[in-house]
Amino acid sequence: MGGLSGEGEDLLKGRPLFLLGFMGAGKTTVGSLLARTLGCSFVDLDVLIVERVGKSIVDIFETEGEESFRRYETEALESVAEGAMVVATGGGVVTREENWKVLNKGITVALMASPEVLMRRLGRGEGRPLLHGEKDWRELLNERESLYRRAQLVIDTTCLTPEEVVDCILGALEEGL
């Protein structure tokens, strides 16, 4: 899977491609590989938030709470809402309706996986405060699943390699997604 030398950004038609999905679905891994293949920028929203706020995600949750984090997330999302790029969003970005107004300006691709695979990928879940929060992570996944399915393209990554997921996305883009 090589780069598309110029064609990649054309496939995005000047729009960002937002990768949605639960923790461990593969957004960051697939996103960086997809951006390299398309020859465009890659942005990890969580990394952008950490850079802007100057605190880790865990620190933000512990000192300011989830609502503050969600505000930072919305601000970061709005800042990357234009231009051909690949954006790995946080798993909870779909929970705020105002974010959907931004997401729908671009291309939305949801990466899904079985709960067993998600847990294996997450390991002990260090750096993921909601994995160890008040709610069981399976309940959180259940609540968000229908929101992820609002995406223009939904891919089950359970049995796919990151390269195969990128190929699925490229195929959909070539067909006019």
C-alpha atoms as a PDB file:
ATOM      1  CA  MET A   1       0.000   0.000   0.000  1.00  0.00           C
ATOM      2  CA  GLY A   2       1.899   3.019  -1.252  1.00  0.00           C
ATOM      3  CA  GLY A   3       0.954   6.666  -1.326  1.00  0.00           C
ATOM      4  CA  LEU A   4      -1.551   7.874  -3.912  1.00  0.00           C
ATOM      5  CA  SER A   5       0.738  10.721  -5.057  1.00  0.00           C
ATOM      6  CA  GLY A   6      -1.646  13.641  -5.290  1.00  0.00           C
ATOM      7  CA  GLU A   7      -4.811  11.634  -5.870  1.00  0.00           C
ATOM      8  CA  GLY A   8      -5.320  11.082  -2.141  1.00  0.00           C
ATOM      9  CA  GLU A   9      -6.296  14.604  -1.214  1.00  0.00           C
ATOM     10  CA  ASP A  10      -8.547  14.694  -4.301  1.00  0.00           C
ATOM     11  CA  LEU A  11     -10.455  11.708  -2.880  1.00  0.00           C
ATOM     12  CA  LEU A  12     -11.240  13.793   0.202  1.00  0.00           C
ATOM     13  CA  LYS A  13     -12.485  16.686  -1.983  1.00  0.00           C
ATOM     14  CA  GLY A  14     -11.009  19.219   0.409  1.00  0.00           C
ATOM     15  CA  ARG A  15     -12.877  17.770   3.404  1.00  0.00           C
ATOM     16  CA  PRO A  16     -11.584  16.208   6.601  1.00  0.00           C
ATOM     17  CA  LEU A  17     -12.176  12.511   7.128  1.00  0.00           C
ATOM     18  CA  PHE A  18     -13.234  11.886  10.727  1.00  0.00           C
ATOM     19  CA  LEU A  19     -12.583   8.458  12.212  1.00  0.00           C
ATOM     20  CA  LEU A  20     -15.115   7.618  14.923  1.00  0.00           C
ATOM     21  CA  GLY A  21     -15.302   4.641  17.236  1.00  0.00           C
ATOM     22  CA  PHE A  22     -14.849   3.295  20.720  1.00  0.00           C
ATOM     23  CA  MET A  23     -11.509   3.099  22.507  1.00  0.00           C
ATOM     24  CA  GLY A  24      -9.405   0.397  20.885  1.00  0.00           C
ATOM     25  CA  ALA A  25     -11.277   0.394  17.557  1.00  0.00           C
ATOM     26  CA  GLY A  26      -8.092   1.447  15.743  1.00  0.00           C
ATOM     27  CA  LYS A  27      -8.722   5.126  14.978  1.00  0.00           C
ATOM     28  CA  THR A  28      -5.162   6.325  15.609  1.00  0.00           C
ATOM     29  CA  THR A  29      -3.437   3.381  13.929  1.00  0.00           C
ATOM     30  CA  VAL A  30      -5.715   3.411  10.891  1.00  0.00           C
ATOM     31  CA  GLY A  31      -5.771   7.211  10.769  1.00  0.00           C
ATOM     32  CA  SER A  32      -2.019   7.655  10.583  1.00  0.00           C
ATOM     33  CA  LEU A  33      -1.722   4.918   7.951  1.00  0.00           C
ATOM     34  CA  LEU A  34      -4.616   6.344   5.913  1.00  0.00           C
ATOM     35  CA  ALA A  35      -3.180   9.867   6.022  1.00  0.00           C
ATOM     36  CA  ARG A  36       0.215   8.589   4.853  1.00  0.00           C
ATOM     37  CA  THR A  37      -1.465   6.699   2.019  1.00  0.00           C
ATOM     38  CA  LEU A  38      -3.551   9.712   0.992  1.00  0.00           C
ATOM     39  CA  GLY A  39      -0.583  12.059   1.326  1.00  0.00           C
ATOM     40  CA  CYS A  40      -2.341  14.406   3.723  1.00  0.00           C
ATOM     41  CA  SER A  41      -2.116  15.507   7.357  1.00  0.00           C
ATOM     42  CA  PHE A  42      -3.129  13.371  10.314  1.00  0.00           C
ATOM     43  CA  VAL A  43      -4.539  14.829  13.525  1.00  0.00           C
ATOM     44  CA  ASP A  44      -5.254  12.867  16.705  1.00  0.00           C
ATOM     45  CA  LEU A  45      -7.836  14.964  18.550  1.00  0.00           C
ATOM     46  CA  ASP A  46      -6.718  13.704  21.974  1.00  0.00           C
ATOM     47  CA  VAL A  47      -3.117  14.699  21.241  1.00  0.00           C
ATOM     48  CA  LEU A  48      -4.298  18.113  20.062  1.00  0.00           C
ATOM     49  CA  ILE A  49      -6.263  18.606  23.301  1.00  0.00           C
ATOM     50  CA  VAL A  50      -3.258  17.624  25.449  1.00  0.00           C
ATOM     51  CA  GLU A  51      -1.042  20.059  23.523  1.00  0.00           C
ATOM     52  CA  ARG A  52      -3.545  22.919  23.874  1.00  0.00           C
ATOM     53  CA  VAL A  53      -4.490  22.375  27.518  1.00  0.00           C
ATOM     54  CA  GLY A  54      -1.064  21.323  28.765  1.00  0.00           C
ATOM     55  CA  LYS A  55      -2.458  18.389  30.772  1.00  0.00           C
ATOM     56  CA  SER A  56      -2.893  14.698  30.069  1.00  0.00           C
ATOM     57  CA  ILE A  57      -6.395  13.392  29.353  1.00  0.00           C
ATOM     58  CA  VAL A  58      -6.343  11.642  32.744  1.00  0.00           C
ATOM     59  CA  ASP A  59      -5.366  14.909  34.483  1.00  0.00           C
ATOM     60  CA  ILE A  60      -8.146  16.812  32.725  1.00  0.00           C
ATOM     61  CA  PHE A  61     -10.719  14.218  33.821  1.00  0.00           C
ATOM     62  CA  GLU A  62      -9.382  14.156  37.400  1.00  0.00           C
ATOM     63  CA  THR A  63      -8.991  17.906  37.933  1.00  0.00           C
ATOM     64  CA  GLU A  64     -11.682  19.399  35.696  1.00  0.00           C
ATOM     65  CA  GLY A  65     -14.105  16.569  34.990  1.00  0.00           C
ATOM     66  CA  GLU A  66     -15.526  15.009  31.863  1.00  0.00           C
ATOM     67  CA  GLU A  67     -17.649  18.027  30.931  1.00  0.00           C
ATOM     68  CA  SER A  68     -14.544  20.242  30.683  1.00  0.00           C
ATOM     69  CA  PHE A  69     -12.841  17.616  28.570  1.00  0.00           C
ATOM     70  CA  ARG A  70     -15.873  17.484  26.250  1.00  0.00           C
ATOM     71  CA  ARG A  71     -15.707  21.281  25.816  1.00  0.00           C
ATOM     72  CA  TYR A  72     -12.022  21.053  24.922  1.00  0.00           C
ATOM     73  CA  GLU A  73     -12.870  18.246  22.524  1.00  0.00           C
ATOM     74  CA  THR A  74     -15.542  20.327  20.768  1.00  0.00           C
ATOM     75  CA  GLU A  75     -13.140  23.271  20.438  1.00  0.00           C
ATOM     76  CA  ALA A  76     -10.434  21.011  18.996  1.00  0.00           C
ATOM     77  CA  LEU A  77     -12.905  19.391  16.594  1.00  0.00           C
ATOM     78  CA  GLU A  78     -14.081  22.778  15.345  1.00  0.00           C
ATOM     79  CA  SER A  79     -10.455  23.793  14.712  1.00  0.00           C
ATOM     80  CA  VAL A  80      -9.904  20.889  12.283  1.00  0.00           C
ATOM     81  CA  ALA A  81     -13.244  21.062  10.488  1.00  0.00           C
ATOM     82  CA  GLU A  82     -11.877  22.253   7.158  1.00  0.00           C
ATOM     83  CA  GLY A  83      -9.334  20.978   4.697  1.00  0.00           C
ATOM     84  CA  ALA A  84      -8.241  17.587   3.435  1.00  0.00           C
ATOM     85  CA  MET A  85      -6.899  15.684   6.445  1.00  0.00           C
ATOM     86  CA  VAL A  86      -7.564  12.569   8.488  1.00  0.00           C
ATOM     87  CA  VAL A  87      -8.740  13.120  12.062  1.00  0.00           C
ATOM     88  CA  ALA A  88      -8.847  10.423  14.749  1.00  0.00           C
ATOM     89  CA  THR A  89     -11.528  11.602  17.158  1.00  0.00           C
ATOM     90  CA  GLY A  90     -12.004  10.590  20.758  1.00  0.00           C
ATOM     91  CA  GLY A  91     -14.515   7.823  21.436  1.00  0.00           C
ATOM     92  CA  GLY A  92     -16.997  10.197  23.044  1.00  0.00           C
ATOM     93  CA  VAL A  93     -17.019  12.924  20.397  1.00  0.00           C
ATOM     94  CA  VAL A  94     -20.270  11.442  19.052  1.00  0.00           C
ATOM     95  CA  THR A  95     -22.126  12.066  22.320  1.00  0.00           C
ATOM     96  CA  ARG A  96     -22.619  15.803  21.745  1.00  0.00           C
ATOM     97  CA  GLU A  97     -25.082  16.788  19.046  1.00  0.00           C
ATOM     98  CA  GLU A  98     -23.172  20.026  18.402  1.00  0.00           C
ATOM     99  CA  ASN A  99     -20.197  17.889  17.345  1.00  0.00           C
ATOM    100  CA  TRP A 100     -22.309  16.178  14.687  1.00  0.00           C
ATOM    101  CA  LYS A 101     -22.801  19.548  12.990  1.00  0.00           C
ATOM    102  CA  VAL A 102     -19.018  19.703  12.600  1.00  0.00           C
ATOM    103  CA  LEU A 103     -18.560  15.999  11.795  1.00  0.00           C
ATOM    104  CA  ASN A 104     -21.150  16.170   9.027  1.00  0.00           C
ATOM    105  CA  LYS A 105     -19.110  18.854   7.226  1.00  0.00           C
ATOM    106  CA  GLY A 106     -16.570  16.132   6.507  1.00  0.00           C
ATOM    107  CA  ILE A 107     -16.539  12.407   5.809  1.00  0.00           C
ATOM    108  CA  THR A 108     -17.423  10.203   8.777  1.00  0.00           C
ATOM    109  CA  VAL A 109     -16.085   6.671   9.087  1.00  0.00           C
ATOM    110  CA  ALA A 110     -16.830   4.596  12.180  1.00  0.00           C
ATOM    111  CA  LEU A 111     -14.522   1.771  13.172  1.00  0.00           C
ATOM    112  CA  MET A 112     -16.247  -0.935  15.211  1.00  0.00           C
ATOM    113  CA  ALA A 113     -14.932  -4.107  16.841  1.00  0.00           C
ATOM    114  CA  SER A 114     -16.226  -6.844  19.106  1.00  0.00           C
ATOM    115  CA  PRO A 115     -16.019  -6.164  22.856  1.00  0.00           C
ATOM    116  CA  GLU A 116     -13.493  -8.990  23.227  1.00  0.00           C
ATOM    117  CA  VAL A 117     -11.185  -7.489  20.617  1.00  0.00           C
ATOM    118  CA  LEU A 118     -11.558  -3.996  22.085  1.00  0.00           C
ATOM    119  CA  MET A 119     -10.512  -5.256  25.520  1.00  0.00           C
ATOM    120  CA  ARG A 120      -7.551  -7.141  24.104  1.00  0.00           C
ATOM    121  CA  ARG A 121      -6.413  -4.020  22.237  1.00  0.00           C
ATOM    122  CA  LEU A 122      -6.890  -1.789  25.282  1.00  0.00           C
ATOM    123  CA  GLY A 123      -4.961  -3.994  27.682  1.00  0.00           C
ATOM    124  CA  ARG A 124      -5.139  -2.369  31.114  1.00  0.00           C
ATOM    125  CA  GLY A 125      -6.494   0.815  29.592  1.00  0.00           C
ATOM    126  CA  GLU A 126      -3.872   3.144  30.998  1.00  0.00           C
ATOM    127  CA  GLY A 127      -4.537   6.738  30.037  1.00  0.00           C
ATOM    128  CA  ARG A 128      -8.214   6.031  29.378  1.00  0.00           C
ATOM    129  CA  PRO A 129     -10.190   7.412  32.308  1.00  0.00           C
ATOM    130  CA  LEU A 130     -13.617   6.267  31.119  1.00  0.00           C
ATOM    131  CA  LEU A 131     -12.433   2.668  30.965  1.00  0.00           C
ATOM    132  CA  HIS A 132     -12.108   2.789  34.742  1.00  0.00           C
ATOM    133  CA  GLY A 133     -14.998   5.177  35.405  1.00  0.00           C
ATOM    134  CA  GLU A 134     -18.255   4.779  37.267  1.00  0.00           C
ATOM    135  CA  LYS A 135     -19.927   3.057  34.319  1.00  0.00           C
ATOM    136  CA  ASP A 136     -18.945  -0.356  33.059  1.00  0.00           C
ATOM    137  CA  TRP A 137     -17.163   0.096  29.714  1.00  0.00           C
ATOM    138  CA  ARG A 138     -19.581  -2.362  28.049  1.00  0.00           C
ATOM    139  CA  GLU A 139     -22.496  -0.147  29.036  1.00  0.00           C
ATOM    140  CA  LEU A 140     -20.672   2.852  27.598  1.00  0.00           C
ATOM    141  CA  LEU A 141     -20.025   0.939  24.363  1.00  0.00           C
ATOM    142  CA  ASN A 142     -23.700  -0.031  24.170  1.00  0.00           C
ATOM    143  CA  GLU A 143     -24.805   3.573  24.637  1.00  0.00           C
ATOM    144  CA  ARG A 144     -22.501   4.834  21.889  1.00  0.00           C
ATOM    145  CA  GLU A 145     -22.951   2.100  19.292  1.00  0.00           C
ATOM    146  CA  SER A 146     -26.003   3.675  17.628  1.00  0.00           C
ATOM    147  CA  LEU A 147     -24.181   7.019  17.546  1.00  0.00           C
ATOM    148  CA  TYR A 148     -21.203   5.476  15.753  1.00  0.00           C
ATOM    149  CA  ARG A 149     -23.610   3.938  13.246  1.00  0.00           C
ATOM    150  CA  ARG A 150     -24.657   7.445  12.157  1.00  0.00           C
ATOM    151  CA  ALA A 151     -21.374   7.615  10.231  1.00  0.00           C
ATOM    152  CA  GLN A 152     -21.409   7.527   6.442  1.00  0.00           C
ATOM    153  CA  LEU A 153     -19.307   4.360   6.478  1.00  0.00           C
ATOM    154  CA  VAL A 154     -19.131   1.756   9.250  1.00  0.00           C
ATOM    155  CA  ILE A 155     -16.345  -0.835   9.203  1.00  0.00           C
ATOM    156  CA  ASP A 156     -16.057  -3.790  11.565  1.00  0.00           C
ATOM    157  CA  THR A 157     -12.327  -3.995  12.314  1.00  0.00           C
ATOM    158  CA  THR A 158     -12.618  -7.156  14.439  1.00  0.00           C
ATOM    159  CA  CYS A 159     -10.941  -9.445  11.892  1.00  0.00           C
ATOM    160  CA  LEU A 160      -9.170  -6.865   9.740  1.00  0.00           C
ATOM    161  CA  THR A 161      -5.613  -5.580   9.776  1.00  0.00           C
ATOM    162  CA  PRO A 162      -5.131  -1.801   9.753  1.00  0.00           C
ATOM    163  CA  GLU A 163      -4.030  -2.077   6.112  1.00  0.00           C
ATOM    164  CA  GLU A 164      -7.261  -3.884   5.218  1.00  0.00           C
ATOM    165  CA  VAL A 165      -9.309  -1.191   6.967  1.00  0.00           C
ATOM    166  CA  VAL A 166      -7.450   1.494   4.994  1.00  0.00           C
ATOM    167  CA  ASP A 167      -8.205  -0.418   1.782  1.00  0.00           C
ATOM    168  CA  CYS A 168     -11.922  -0.482   2.700  1.00  0.00           C
ATOM    169  CA  ILE A 169     -11.915   3.276   3.278  1.00  0.00           C
ATOM    170  CA  LEU A 170     -10.004   3.958   0.054  1.00  0.00           C
ATOM    171  CA  GLY A 171     -12.470   1.802  -1.883  1.00  0.00           C
ATOM    172  CA  ALA A 172     -15.400   3.738  -0.443  1.00  0.00           C
ATOM    173  CA  LEU A 173     -13.719   7.067  -1.240  1.00  0.00           C
ATOM    174  CA  GLU A 174     -13.058   5.955  -4.815  1.00  0.00           C
ATOM    175  CA  GLU A 175     -16.762   5.088  -5.124  1.00  0.00           C
ATOM    176  CA  GLY A 176     -17.674   8.619  -4.083  1.00  0.00           C
ATOM    177  CA  LEU A 177     -18.150   8.497  -0.312  1.00  0.00           C
END
